[in-house]
């Protein structure tokens, strides 16, 4: 149980907090990424992730298009003229 009242304004005044995270989390993430890169062949992982057929390539492009549309606030399938 918390004994102190921590409001949002308390967080904004905490110098250890940066945006939605903190310096400790940023360092831990950076360390994890560097370890992953050191322990894996990134080029090989990229080749393994490449589409294996023309159909898979089209499917990946369609998924990317839908993701980009959602990121721009449009529903998948809506054309640019329907914005």
PDB file of N, CA and C in Angstrom:
ATOM      1  N   UNK A   1       0.845  -1.175   0.000  1.00  0.00           N
ATOM      2  CA  UNK A   1       0.000   0.000   0.000  1.00  0.00           C
ATOM      3  C   UNK A   1       0.890   1.237   0.000  1.00  0.00           C
ATOM      4  N   UNK A   2       0.519   2.246  -0.785  1.00  0.00           N
ATOM      5  CA  UNK A   2       1.289   3.474  -0.873  1.00  0.00           C
ATOM      6  C   UNK A   2       0.945   4.391   0.293  1.00  0.00           C
ATOM      7  N   UNK A   3       1.967   5.001   0.840  1.00  0.00           N
ATOM      8  CA  UNK A   3       1.749   5.931   1.945  1.00  0.00           C
ATOM      9  C   UNK A   3       1.793   7.373   1.479  1.00  0.00           C
ATOM     10  N   UNK A   4       2.299   7.591   0.288  1.00  0.00           N
ATOM     11  CA  UNK A   4       2.384   8.941  -0.242  1.00  0.00           C
ATOM     12  C   UNK A   4       1.448   9.077  -1.427  1.00  0.00           C
ATOM     13  N   UNK A   5       0.942  10.271  -1.625  1.00  0.00           N
ATOM     14  CA  UNK A   5       0.079  10.551  -2.761  1.00  0.00           C
ATOM     15  C   UNK A   5       0.959  11.006  -3.924  1.00  0.00           C
ATOM     16  N   UNK A   6       1.045  10.170  -4.979  1.00  0.00           N
ATOM     17  CA  UNK A   6       1.853  10.513  -6.153  1.00  0.00           C
ATOM     18  C   UNK A   6       0.916  10.916  -7.278  1.00  0.00           C
ATOM     19  N   UNK A   7       0.934  12.152  -7.644  1.00  0.00           N
ATOM     20  CA  UNK A   7       0.089  12.629  -8.726  1.00  0.00           C
ATOM     21  C   UNK A   7       0.924  12.775  -9.994  1.00  0.00           C
ATOM     22  N   UNK A   8       0.260  13.075 -11.088  1.00  0.00           N
ATOM     23  CA  UNK A   8       0.939  13.251 -12.366  1.00  0.00           C
ATOM     24  C   UNK A   8       1.948  14.393 -12.281  1.00  0.00           C
ATOM     25  N   UNK A   9       1.624  15.433 -11.546  1.00  0.00           N
ATOM     26  CA  UNK A   9       2.533  16.571 -11.453  1.00  0.00           C
ATOM     27  C   UNK A   9       3.846  16.185 -10.780  1.00  0.00           C
ATOM     28  N   UNK A  10       3.810  15.196  -9.851  1.00  0.00           N
ATOM     29  CA  UNK A  10       5.037  14.722  -9.222  1.00  0.00           C
ATOM     30  C   UNK A  10       5.983  14.127 -10.262  1.00  0.00           C
ATOM     31  N   UNK A  11       5.437  13.372 -11.195  1.00  0.00           N
ATOM     32  CA  UNK A  11       6.233  12.731 -12.229  1.00  0.00           C
ATOM     33  C   UNK A  11       6.901  13.767 -13.133  1.00  0.00           C
ATOM     34  N   UNK A  12       6.190  14.819 -13.455  1.00  0.00           N
ATOM     35  CA  UNK A  12       6.734  15.838 -14.336  1.00  0.00           C
ATOM     36  C   UNK A  12       7.913  16.559 -13.698  1.00  0.00           C
ATOM     37  N   UNK A  13       7.971  16.599 -12.394  1.00  0.00           N
ATOM     38  CA  UNK A  13       9.047  17.289 -11.714  1.00  0.00           C
ATOM     39  C   UNK A  13      10.238  16.377 -11.439  1.00  0.00           C
ATOM     40  N   UNK A  14      10.089  15.088 -11.670  1.00  0.00           N
ATOM     41  CA  UNK A  14      11.157  14.126 -11.407  1.00  0.00           C
ATOM     42  C   UNK A  14      12.179  14.191 -12.540  1.00  0.00           C
ATOM     43  N   UNK A  15      13.412  14.624 -12.291  1.00  0.00           N
ATOM     44  CA  UNK A  15      14.401  14.777 -13.361  1.00  0.00           C
ATOM     45  C   UNK A  15      14.843  13.453 -13.967  1.00  0.00           C
ATOM     46  N   UNK A  16      14.553  12.327 -13.332  1.00  0.00           N
ATOM     47  CA  UNK A  16      14.950  11.026 -13.874  1.00  0.00           C
ATOM     48  C   UNK A  16      14.017  10.571 -14.983  1.00  0.00           C
ATOM     49  N   UNK A  17      12.865  11.185 -15.098  1.00  0.00           N
ATOM     50  CA  UNK A  17      11.875  10.757 -16.072  1.00  0.00           C
ATOM     51  C   UNK A  17      12.042  11.549 -17.360  1.00  0.00           C
ATOM     52  N   UNK A  18      12.073  10.825 -18.480  1.00  0.00           N
ATOM     53  CA  UNK A  18      12.172  11.474 -19.786  1.00  0.00           C
ATOM     54  C   UNK A  18      11.041  10.948 -20.646  1.00  0.00           C
ATOM     55  N   UNK A  19      10.098  11.760 -20.957  1.00  0.00           N
ATOM     56  CA  UNK A  19       8.971  11.325 -21.781  1.00  0.00           C
ATOM     57  C   UNK A  19       8.198  10.224 -21.096  1.00  0.00           C
ATOM     58  N   UNK A  20       8.034   9.096 -21.766  1.00  0.00           N
ATOM     59  CA  UNK A  20       7.270   7.988 -21.210  1.00  0.00           C
ATOM     60  C   UNK A  20       8.159   6.966 -20.525  1.00  0.00           C
ATOM     61  N   UNK A  21       9.438   7.256 -20.380  1.00  0.00           N
ATOM     62  CA  UNK A  21      10.344   6.307 -19.758  1.00  0.00           C
ATOM     63  C   UNK A  21      11.328   7.009 -18.858  1.00  0.00           C
ATOM     64  N   UNK A  22      12.360   6.320 -18.492  1.00  0.00           N
ATOM     65  CA  UNK A  22      13.387   6.929 -17.657  1.00  0.00           C
ATOM     66  C   UNK A  22      14.759   6.504 -18.168  1.00  0.00           C
ATOM     67  N   UNK A  23      15.787   7.112 -17.644  1.00  0.00           N
ATOM     68  CA  UNK A  23      17.139   6.847 -18.126  1.00  0.00           C
ATOM     69  C   UNK A  23      17.555   5.401 -17.905  1.00  0.00           C
ATOM     70  N   UNK A  24      17.167   4.814 -16.785  1.00  0.00           N
ATOM     71  CA  UNK A  24      17.521   3.426 -16.502  1.00  0.00           C
ATOM     72  C   UNK A  24      16.912   2.497 -17.559  1.00  0.00           C
ATOM     73  N   UNK A  25      15.654   2.740 -17.891  1.00  0.00           N
ATOM     74  CA  UNK A  25      15.003   1.916 -18.917  1.00  0.00           C
ATOM     75  C   UNK A  25      15.665   2.097 -20.274  1.00  0.00           C
ATOM     76  N   UNK A  26      16.032   3.317 -20.602  1.00  0.00           N
ATOM     77  CA  UNK A  26      16.690   3.592 -21.883  1.00  0.00           C
ATOM     78  C   UNK A  26      18.035   2.867 -21.958  1.00  0.00           C
ATOM     79  N   UNK A  27      18.794   2.903 -20.858  1.00  0.00           N
ATOM     80  CA  UNK A  27      20.085   2.201 -20.846  1.00  0.00           C
ATOM     81  C   UNK A  27      19.892   0.691 -20.978  1.00  0.00           C
ATOM     82  N   UNK A  28      18.901   0.150 -20.272  1.00  0.00           N
ATOM     83  CA  UNK A  28      18.629  -1.287 -20.332  1.00  0.00           C
ATOM     84  C   UNK A  28      18.222  -1.696 -21.755  1.00  0.00           C
ATOM     85  N   UNK A  29      17.384  -0.891 -22.388  1.00  0.00           N
ATOM     86  CA  UNK A  29      16.963  -1.187 -23.765  1.00  0.00           C
ATOM     87  C   UNK A  29      18.160  -1.133 -24.718  1.00  0.00           C
ATOM     88  N   UNK A  30      18.980  -0.098 -24.586  1.00  0.00           N
ATOM     89  CA  UNK A  30      20.165   0.039 -25.444  1.00  0.00           C
ATOM     90  C   UNK A  30      21.089  -1.161 -25.271  1.00  0.00           C
ATOM     91  N   UNK A  31      21.292  -1.583 -24.016  1.00  0.00           N
ATOM     92  CA  UNK A  31      22.159  -2.738 -23.734  1.00  0.00           C
ATOM     93  C   UNK A  31      21.577  -3.998 -24.376  1.00  0.00           C
ATOM     94  N   UNK A  32      20.265  -4.198 -24.247  1.00  0.00           N
ATOM     95  CA  UNK A  32      19.622  -5.381 -24.825  1.00  0.00           C
ATOM     96  C   UNK A  32      19.743  -5.400 -26.350  1.00  0.00           C
ATOM     97  N   UNK A  33      19.578  -4.247 -26.977  1.00  0.00           N
ATOM     98  CA  UNK A  33      19.700  -4.164 -28.439  1.00  0.00           C
ATOM     99  C   UNK A  33      21.130  -4.466 -28.864  1.00  0.00           C
ATOM    100  N   UNK A  34      22.096  -3.900 -28.158  1.00  0.00           N
ATOM    101  CA  UNK A  34      23.500  -4.145 -28.503  1.00  0.00           C
ATOM    102  C   UNK A  34      23.864  -5.616 -28.333  1.00  0.00           C
ATOM    103  N   UNK A  35      23.358  -6.251 -27.274  1.00  0.00           N
ATOM    104  CA  UNK A  35      23.612  -7.684 -27.071  1.00  0.00           C
ATOM    105  C   UNK A  35      22.988  -8.506 -28.194  1.00  0.00           C
ATOM    106  N   UNK A  36      21.769  -8.154 -28.595  1.00  0.00           N
ATOM    107  CA  UNK A  36      21.096  -8.875 -29.674  1.00  0.00           C
ATOM    108  C   UNK A  36      21.903  -8.775 -30.961  1.00  0.00           C
ATOM    109  N   UNK A  37      22.381  -7.578 -31.269  1.00  0.00           N
ATOM    110  CA  UNK A  37      23.171  -7.379 -32.488  1.00  0.00           C
ATOM    111  C   UNK A  37      24.485  -8.155 -32.419  1.00  0.00           C
ATOM    112  N   UNK A  38      25.113  -8.148 -31.256  1.00  0.00           N
ATOM    113  CA  UNK A  38      26.380  -8.871 -31.095  1.00  0.00           C
ATOM    114  C   UNK A  38      26.205 -10.386 -31.221  1.00  0.00           C
ATOM    115  N   UNK A  39      25.073 -10.901 -30.777  1.00  0.00           N
ATOM    116  CA  UNK A  39      24.850 -12.347 -30.720  1.00  0.00           C
ATOM    117  C   UNK A  39      24.176 -12.916 -31.965  1.00  0.00           C
ATOM    118  N   UNK A  40      23.756 -12.063 -32.897  1.00  0.00           N
ATOM    119  CA  UNK A  40      23.021 -12.538 -34.065  1.00  0.00           C
ATOM    120  C   UNK A  40      23.615 -11.979 -35.351  1.00  0.00           C
ATOM    121  N   UNK A  41      23.430 -12.722 -36.421  1.00  0.00           N
ATOM    122  CA  UNK A  41      23.832 -12.267 -37.745  1.00  0.00           C
ATOM    123  C   UNK A  41      22.645 -11.508 -38.331  1.00  0.00           C
ATOM    124  N   UNK A  42      22.681 -10.195 -38.234  1.00  0.00           N
ATOM    125  CA  UNK A  42      21.553  -9.353 -38.633  1.00  0.00           C
ATOM    126  C   UNK A  42      21.238  -9.514 -40.118  1.00  0.00           C
ATOM    127  N   UNK A  43      22.265  -9.625 -40.957  1.00  0.00           N
ATOM    128  CA  UNK A  43      22.028  -9.813 -42.393  1.00  0.00           C
ATOM    129  C   UNK A  43      21.285 -11.116 -42.650  1.00  0.00           C
ATOM    130  N   UNK A  44      21.670 -12.170 -41.944  1.00  0.00           N
ATOM    131  CA  UNK A  44      21.001 -13.462 -42.105  1.00  0.00           C
ATOM    132  C   UNK A  44      19.540 -13.380 -41.640  1.00  0.00           C
ATOM    133  N   UNK A  45      19.299 -12.708 -40.539  1.00  0.00           N
ATOM    134  CA  UNK A  45      17.928 -12.546 -40.057  1.00  0.00           C
ATOM    135  C   UNK A  45      17.084 -11.791 -41.080  1.00  0.00           C
ATOM    136  N   UNK A  46      17.689 -10.794 -41.717  1.00  0.00           N
ATOM    137  CA  UNK A  46      16.981 -10.046 -42.756  1.00  0.00           C
ATOM    138  C   UNK A  46      16.642 -10.924 -43.950  1.00  0.00           C
ATOM    139  N   UNK A  47      17.604 -11.745 -44.365  1.00  0.00           N
ATOM    140  CA  UNK A  47      17.335 -12.651 -45.490  1.00  0.00           C
ATOM    141  C   UNK A  47      16.250 -13.660 -45.124  1.00  0.00           C
ATOM    142  N   UNK A  48      16.282 -14.172 -43.885  1.00  0.00           N
ATOM    143  CA  UNK A  48      15.270 -15.132 -43.442  1.00  0.00           C
ATOM    144  C   UNK A  48      13.876 -14.513 -43.402  1.00  0.00           C
ATOM    145  N   UNK A  49      13.793 -13.209 -43.164  1.00  0.00           N
ATOM    146  CA  UNK A  49      12.500 -12.530 -43.069  1.00  0.00           C
ATOM    147  C   UNK A  49      11.949 -12.131 -44.439  1.00  0.00           C
ATOM    148  N   UNK A  50      12.759 -12.226 -45.476  1.00  0.00           N
ATOM    149  CA  UNK A  50      12.331 -11.834 -46.817  1.00  0.00           C
ATOM    150  C   UNK A  50      11.216 -12.760 -47.308  1.00  0.00           C
ATOM    151  N   UNK A  51      10.331 -12.232 -48.138  1.00  0.00           N
ATOM    152  CA  UNK A  51       9.249 -13.069 -48.661  1.00  0.00           C
ATOM    153  C   UNK A  51       9.799 -14.228 -49.489  1.00  0.00           C
ATOM    154  N   UNK A  52       9.132 -15.377 -49.382  1.00  0.00           N
ATOM    155  CA  UNK A  52       9.577 -16.594 -50.072  1.00  0.00           C
ATOM    156  C   UNK A  52       8.897 -16.783 -51.427  1.00  0.00           C
ATOM    157  N   UNK A  53       7.864 -15.992 -51.695  1.00  0.00           N
ATOM    158  CA  UNK A  53       7.143 -16.120 -52.968  1.00  0.00           C
ATOM    159  C   UNK A  53       6.548 -14.772 -53.336  1.00  0.00           C
ATOM    160  N   UNK A  54       6.066 -14.674 -54.571  1.00  0.00           N
ATOM    161  CA  UNK A  54       5.423 -13.440 -55.028  1.00  0.00           C
ATOM    162  C   UNK A  54       4.147 -13.183 -54.225  1.00  0.00           C
ATOM    163  N   UNK A  55       3.421 -14.242 -53.893  1.00  0.00           N
ATOM    164  CA  UNK A  55       2.195 -14.082 -53.109  1.00  0.00           C
ATOM    165  C   UNK A  55       2.507 -13.553 -51.709  1.00  0.00           C
ATOM    166  N   UNK A  56       3.565 -14.085 -51.088  1.00  0.00           N
ATOM    167  CA  UNK A  56       3.954 -13.616 -49.762  1.00  0.00           C
ATOM    168  C   UNK A  56       4.419 -12.159 -49.835  1.00  0.00           C
ATOM    169  N   UNK A  57       5.092 -11.791 -50.919  1.00  0.00           N
ATOM    170  CA  UNK A  57       5.536 -10.418 -51.106  1.00  0.00           C
ATOM    171  C   UNK A  57       4.342  -9.482 -51.194  1.00  0.00           C
ATOM    172  N   UNK A  58       3.327  -9.854 -51.982  1.00  0.00           N
ATOM    173  CA  UNK A  58       2.117  -9.038 -52.088  1.00  0.00           C
ATOM    174  C   UNK A  58       1.422  -8.920 -50.731  1.00  0.00           C
ATOM    175  N   UNK A  59       1.369 -10.013 -49.995  1.00  0.00           N
ATOM    176  CA  UNK A  59       0.738 -10.018 -48.674  1.00  0.00           C
ATOM    177  C   UNK A  59       1.467  -9.069 -47.716  1.00  0.00           C
ATOM    178  N   UNK A  60       2.781  -9.078 -47.762  1.00  0.00           N
ATOM    179  CA  UNK A  60       3.566  -8.199 -46.908  1.00  0.00           C
ATOM    180  C   UNK A  60       3.353  -6.731 -47.282  1.00  0.00           C
ATOM    181  N   UNK A  61       3.302  -6.439 -48.584  1.00  0.00           N
ATOM    182  CA  UNK A  61       3.062  -5.068 -49.026  1.00  0.00           C
ATOM    183  C   UNK A  61       1.677  -4.587 -48.598  1.00  0.00           C
ATOM    184  N   UNK A  62       0.681  -5.463 -48.689  1.00  0.00           N
ATOM    185  CA  UNK A  62      -0.677  -5.115 -48.277  1.00  0.00           C
ATOM    186  C   UNK A  62      -0.725  -4.838 -46.767  1.00  0.00           C
ATOM    187  N   UNK A  63      -0.059  -5.676 -45.989  1.00  0.00           N
ATOM    188  CA  UNK A  63      -0.024  -5.476 -44.532  1.00  0.00           C
ATOM    189  C   UNK A  63       0.665  -4.153 -44.189  1.00  0.00           C
ATOM    190  N   UNK A  64       1.744  -3.844 -44.905  1.00  0.00           N
ATOM    191  CA  UNK A  64       2.446  -2.585 -44.670  1.00  0.00           C
ATOM    192  C   UNK A  64       1.541  -1.404 -45.006  1.00  0.00           C
ATOM    193  N   UNK A  65       0.828  -1.502 -46.110  1.00  0.00           N
ATOM    194  CA  UNK A  65      -0.072  -0.434 -46.519  1.00  0.00           C
ATOM    195  C   UNK A  65      -1.168  -0.214 -45.475  1.00  0.00           C
ATOM    196  N   UNK A  66      -1.730  -1.290 -44.966  1.00  0.00           N
ATOM    197  CA  UNK A  66      -2.767  -1.176 -43.935  1.00  0.00           C
ATOM    198  C   UNK A  66      -2.205  -0.550 -42.667  1.00  0.00           C
ATOM    199  N   UNK A  67      -1.014  -0.942 -42.290  1.00  0.00           N
ATOM    200  CA  UNK A  67      -0.387  -0.376 -41.104  1.00  0.00           C
ATOM    201  C   UNK A  67      -0.116   1.110 -41.251  1.00  0.00           C
ATOM    202  N   UNK A  68       0.363   1.504 -42.417  1.00  0.00           N
ATOM    203  CA  UNK A  68       0.626   2.921 -42.663  1.00  0.00           C
ATOM    204  C   UNK A  68      -0.666   3.723 -42.667  1.00  0.00           C
ATOM    205  N   UNK A  69      -1.730   3.154 -43.233  1.00  0.00           N
ATOM    206  CA  UNK A  69      -3.018   3.845 -43.271  1.00  0.00           C
ATOM    207  C   UNK A  69      -3.528   4.073 -41.853  1.00  0.00           C
ATOM    208  N   UNK A  70      -3.405   3.077 -41.005  1.00  0.00           N
ATOM    209  CA  UNK A  70      -3.868   3.223 -39.615  1.00  0.00           C
ATOM    210  C   UNK A  70      -3.034   4.268 -38.883  1.00  0.00           C
ATOM    211  N   UNK A  71      -1.743   4.312 -39.182  1.00  0.00           N
ATOM    212  CA  UNK A  71      -0.872   5.280 -38.532  1.00  0.00           C
ATOM    213  C   UNK A  71      -1.242   6.702 -38.936  1.00  0.00           C
ATOM    214  N   UNK A  72      -1.816   6.854 -40.110  1.00  0.00           N
ATOM    215  CA  UNK A  72      -2.210   8.175 -40.595  1.00  0.00           C
ATOM    216  C   UNK A  72      -3.649   8.498 -40.215  1.00  0.00           C
ATOM    217  N   UNK A  73      -4.299   7.612 -39.457  1.00  0.00           N
ATOM    218  CA  UNK A  73      -5.652   7.884 -39.007  1.00  0.00           C
ATOM    219  C   UNK A  73      -6.737   7.439 -39.965  1.00  0.00           C
ATOM    220  N   UNK A  74      -6.382   6.707 -41.011  1.00  0.00           N
ATOM    221  CA  UNK A  74      -7.385   6.212 -41.953  1.00  0.00           C
ATOM    222  C   UNK A  74      -7.662   4.752 -41.648  1.00  0.00           C
ATOM    223  N   UNK A  75      -8.844   4.318 -41.973  1.00  0.00           N
ATOM    224  CA  UNK A  75      -9.169   2.908 -41.825  1.00  0.00           C
ATOM    225  C   UNK A  75      -8.633   2.164 -43.037  1.00  0.00           C
ATOM    226  N   UNK A  76      -8.143   0.931 -42.852  1.00  0.00           N
ATOM    227  CA  UNK A  76      -7.659   0.154 -43.996  1.00  0.00           C
ATOM    228  C   UNK A  76      -8.753   0.008 -45.049  1.00  0.00           C
ATOM    229  N   UNK A  77      -8.365   0.179 -46.299  1.00  0.00           N
ATOM    230  CA  UNK A  77      -9.297   0.045 -47.399  1.00  0.00           C
ATOM    231  C   UNK A  77      -9.823   1.372 -47.888  1.00  0.00           C
ATOM    232  N   UNK A  78      -9.719   2.416 -47.096  1.00  0.00           N
ATOM    233  CA  UNK A  78     -10.169   3.730 -47.532  1.00  0.00           C
ATOM    234  C   UNK A  78      -9.136   4.331 -48.463  1.00  0.00           C
ATOM    235  N   UNK A  79      -9.589   4.904 -49.532  1.00  0.00           N
ATOM    236  CA  UNK A  79      -8.658   5.529 -50.453  1.00  0.00           C
ATOM    237  C   UNK A  79      -8.290   6.916 -49.933  1.00  0.00           C
ATOM    238  N   UNK A  80      -7.257   7.485 -50.487  1.00  0.00           N
ATOM    239  CA  UNK A  80      -6.812   8.814 -50.056  1.00  0.00           C
ATOM    240  C   UNK A  80      -7.885   9.865 -50.302  1.00  0.00           C
ATOM    241  N   UNK A  81      -8.711   9.670 -51.317  1.00  0.00           N
ATOM    242  CA  UNK A  81      -9.740  10.662 -51.629  1.00  0.00           C
ATOM    243  C   UNK A  81     -10.861  10.658 -50.602  1.00  0.00           C
ATOM    244  N   UNK A  82     -10.936   9.615 -49.768  1.00  0.00           N
ATOM    245  CA  UNK A  82     -12.011   9.526 -48.766  1.00  0.00           C
ATOM    246  C   UNK A  82     -11.625  10.145 -47.427  1.00  0.00           C
ATOM    247  N   UNK A  83     -10.469  10.762 -47.338  1.00  0.00           N
ATOM    248  CA  UNK A  83     -10.009  11.337 -46.068  1.00  0.00           C
ATOM    249  C   UNK A  83     -10.925  12.379 -45.548  1.00  0.00           C
TER     250      UNK A  83
END
